Amino acid sequence: MPIKVGEEYLCKICGNKVKVLEAGGGVLVCCGVPMKLVEGS
């Protein structure tokens, strides 16, 4: 799944949330696991 500017991602372990300001390749990871896209962001 491509990462797009404006999307928000949530860590299911610690609750950290990030908002994408500049798109790039790869996977967002926190606490050793991929972060989940927040639907409707």
C-alpha atoms as a PDB file:
ATOM      1  CA  MET A   1       0.000   0.000   0.000  1.00  0.00           C
ATOM      2  CA  PRO A   2       1.557   3.343  -0.998  1.00  0.00           C
ATOM      3  CA  ILE A   3       2.003   5.986   1.691  1.00  0.00           C
ATOM      4  CA  LYS A   4       0.320   9.303   0.828  1.00  0.00           C
ATOM      5  CA  VAL A   5       0.654  12.826   2.235  1.00  0.00           C
ATOM      6  CA  GLY A   6      -1.979  13.490   4.914  1.00  0.00           C
ATOM      7  CA  GLU A   7      -2.494   9.879   5.973  1.00  0.00           C
ATOM      8  CA  GLU A   8      -2.300   9.024   9.671  1.00  0.00           C
ATOM      9  CA  TYR A   9      -0.807   5.828  11.074  1.00  0.00           C
ATOM     10  CA  LEU A  10      -1.239   4.376  14.575  1.00  0.00           C
ATOM     11  CA  CYS A  11       0.951   2.016  16.604  1.00  0.00           C
ATOM     12  CA  LYS A  12      -1.307  -0.636  18.136  1.00  0.00           C
ATOM     13  CA  ILE A  13       1.252  -1.299  20.901  1.00  0.00           C
ATOM     14  CA  CYS A  14       2.138   2.124  22.349  1.00  0.00           C
ATOM     15  CA  GLY A  15      -0.443   4.409  20.736  1.00  0.00           C
ATOM     16  CA  ASN A  16       2.005   6.645  18.852  1.00  0.00           C
ATOM     17  CA  LYS A  17       0.346   8.354  15.894  1.00  0.00           C
ATOM     18  CA  VAL A  18       2.125   9.874  12.894  1.00  0.00           C
ATOM     19  CA  LYS A  19       0.812  12.054  10.076  1.00  0.00           C
ATOM     20  CA  VAL A  20       2.603  11.835   6.736  1.00  0.00           C
ATOM     21  CA  LEU A  21       4.049  15.194   5.676  1.00  0.00           C
ATOM     22  CA  GLU A  22       6.247  13.908   2.855  1.00  0.00           C
ATOM     23  CA  ALA A  23       5.526  10.648   1.033  1.00  0.00           C
ATOM     24  CA  GLY A  24       8.214   8.062   0.454  1.00  0.00           C
ATOM     25  CA  GLY A  25       8.683   4.349   0.042  1.00  0.00           C
ATOM     26  CA  GLY A  26       8.853   1.718   2.719  1.00  0.00           C
ATOM     27  CA  VAL A  27       6.802   0.754   5.743  1.00  0.00           C
ATOM     28  CA  LEU A  28       6.220   2.809   8.883  1.00  0.00           C
ATOM     29  CA  VAL A  29       7.322   0.760  11.915  1.00  0.00           C
ATOM     30  CA  CYS A  30       6.970   1.425  15.652  1.00  0.00           C
ATOM     31  CA  CYS A  31       7.708  -0.961  18.552  1.00  0.00           C
ATOM     32  CA  GLY A  32       9.068  -3.446  15.985  1.00  0.00           C
ATOM     33  CA  VAL A  33       5.761  -3.879  14.111  1.00  0.00           C
ATOM     34  CA  PRO A  34       4.235  -2.123  11.070  1.00  0.00           C
ATOM     35  CA  MET A  35       1.924   0.771  11.936  1.00  0.00           C
ATOM     36  CA  LYS A  36      -1.735   0.621  10.892  1.00  0.00           C
ATOM     37  CA  LEU A  37      -3.403   3.188   8.645  1.00  0.00           C
ATOM     38  CA  VAL A  38      -6.123   5.155  10.470  1.00  0.00           C
ATOM     39  CA  GLU A  39      -9.189   4.878   8.227  1.00  0.00           C
ATOM     40  CA  GLY A  40     -10.705   8.170   7.144  1.00  0.00           C
ATOM     41  CA  SER A  41      -7.461  10.134   7.540  1.00  0.00           C
END
